[in-house]
């Protein structure tokens, strides 16, 4: 499901990709749980797609969920956690939340 979603995204069919990413996320939550690495990848995929569609408000809770889960399961300095910190920082910057964005981007920079 996820691979087909990625293909549709690359072809520009963002609505088709979104439906598949939502289906993949739901299936992974049910079978693997909310904190499994593959579930977090599905959360990221859907969040990035929503951001690409301009739905920053829809993407933000997904980015926050992925970051919180990675902090809990991997720690603050793991590369996947740092990527989530950076993703949320850039999203907040795009929404005009410059103070929050700066704090996150500084955290990611200092941890590297």
Protein backbone atom coordinates (compact mmCIF):
# COMPACT_ATOMS: atom_id res chain seq x y z
CA UNK A 1 0.00 0.00 0.00
CA UNK A 2 2.76 2.37 1.04
CA UNK A 3 4.83 1.75 -2.10
CA UNK A 4 1.87 2.42 -4.37
CA UNK A 5 1.16 5.58 -2.37
CA UNK A 6 4.74 6.72 -2.95
CA UNK A 7 4.41 6.01 -6.68
CA UNK A 8 1.18 7.99 -6.93
CA UNK A 9 2.78 10.87 -5.01
CA UNK A 10 5.70 10.91 -7.43
CA UNK A 11 3.26 10.91 -10.36
CA UNK A 12 1.46 13.90 -8.87
CA UNK A 13 -1.70 12.06 -7.77
CA UNK A 14 -1.67 13.49 -4.27
CA UNK A 15 -5.29 12.63 -3.51
CA UNK A 16 -4.77 9.01 -4.53
CA UNK A 17 -1.57 8.85 -2.51
CA UNK A 18 -3.29 10.34 0.52
CA UNK A 19 -5.99 7.66 0.51
CA UNK A 20 -3.35 4.92 0.37
CA UNK A 21 -1.18 6.52 3.04
CA UNK A 22 -4.20 6.79 5.35
CA UNK A 23 -5.06 3.14 4.72
CA UNK A 24 -1.46 2.07 5.38
CA UNK A 25 -1.30 4.08 8.59
CA UNK A 26 -4.55 2.64 9.89
CA UNK A 27 -3.40 -0.91 9.12
CA UNK A 28 -0.03 -0.38 10.78
CA UNK A 29 -1.58 1.15 13.88
CA UNK A 30 -3.87 -1.87 14.19
CA UNK A 31 -1.24 -4.53 13.56
CA UNK A 32 2.00 -3.00 14.84
CA UNK A 33 0.91 -0.37 17.34
CA UNK A 34 1.41 3.39 17.50
CA UNK A 35 5.14 3.38 18.34
CA UNK A 36 6.45 0.80 15.89
CA UNK A 37 9.07 2.21 13.48
CA UNK A 38 6.99 1.25 10.44
CA UNK A 39 3.96 3.01 11.89
CA UNK A 40 6.07 6.11 12.41
CA UNK A 41 7.17 5.94 8.78
CA UNK A 42 3.51 5.88 7.75
CA UNK A 43 2.82 8.87 10.01
CA UNK A 44 5.71 10.71 8.34
CA UNK A 45 4.53 9.79 4.85
CA UNK A 46 1.03 11.11 5.48
CA UNK A 47 2.35 14.24 7.20
CA UNK A 48 4.74 15.03 4.36
CA UNK A 49 2.00 14.47 1.80
CA UNK A 50 -0.39 16.80 3.61
CA UNK A 51 2.36 19.40 3.81
CA UNK A 52 2.97 19.03 0.06
CA UNK A 53 -0.77 19.58 -0.51
CA UNK A 54 -0.58 22.78 1.55
CA UNK A 55 -2.50 21.33 4.52
CA UNK A 56 -0.06 22.47 7.18
CA UNK A 57 -2.68 22.28 9.92
CA UNK A 58 -3.36 18.66 9.02
CA UNK A 59 0.34 17.80 8.87
CA UNK A 60 1.30 19.37 12.19
CA UNK A 61 -0.33 16.86 14.57
CA UNK A 62 1.21 14.01 12.59
CA UNK A 63 4.66 15.59 12.77
CA UNK A 64 4.20 16.15 16.50
CA UNK A 65 3.07 12.57 17.06
CA UNK A 66 6.04 11.16 15.16
CA UNK A 67 8.45 13.37 17.09
CA UNK A 68 6.98 12.49 20.48
CA UNK A 69 7.09 8.77 19.69
CA UNK A 70 10.66 8.93 18.47
CA UNK A 71 11.80 10.88 21.51
CA UNK A 72 10.20 8.21 23.72
CA UNK A 73 11.46 5.17 21.83
CA UNK A 74 14.76 6.28 20.30
CA UNK A 75 15.91 9.22 22.43
CA UNK A 76 16.64 12.83 21.56
CA UNK A 77 19.81 12.29 19.53
CA UNK A 78 18.85 9.43 17.24
CA UNK A 79 19.01 10.40 13.54
CA UNK A 80 15.30 9.62 13.07
CA UNK A 81 14.39 11.82 16.02
CA UNK A 82 16.56 14.63 14.69
CA UNK A 83 14.87 14.32 11.31
CA UNK A 84 11.47 14.61 13.02
CA UNK A 85 12.66 17.67 14.97
CA UNK A 86 13.83 19.26 11.73
CA UNK A 87 10.61 18.38 9.88
CA UNK A 88 8.44 19.93 12.59
CA UNK A 89 10.67 23.00 12.77
CA UNK A 90 10.37 23.58 9.03
CA UNK A 91 6.62 23.05 9.15
CA UNK A 92 6.24 25.59 11.95
CA UNK A 93 8.40 28.02 9.99
CA UNK A 94 6.06 27.59 7.03
CA UNK A 95 3.10 28.35 9.27
CA UNK A 96 4.75 31.49 10.62
CA UNK A 97 5.55 30.02 14.05
CA UNK A 98 9.06 31.36 13.94
CA UNK A 99 9.85 31.11 17.65
CA UNK A 100 8.84 27.47 17.85
CA UNK A 101 10.62 26.73 14.60
CA UNK A 102 13.82 28.37 15.78
CA UNK A 103 13.87 26.39 19.02
CA UNK A 104 13.43 23.09 17.18
CA UNK A 105 15.94 23.87 14.45
CA UNK A 106 18.51 24.95 17.05
CA UNK A 107 17.89 21.72 18.98
CA UNK A 108 18.48 19.66 15.84
CA UNK A 109 21.62 21.59 14.99
CA UNK A 110 23.09 21.32 18.49
CA UNK A 111 22.46 17.57 18.66
CA UNK A 112 24.39 16.81 15.46
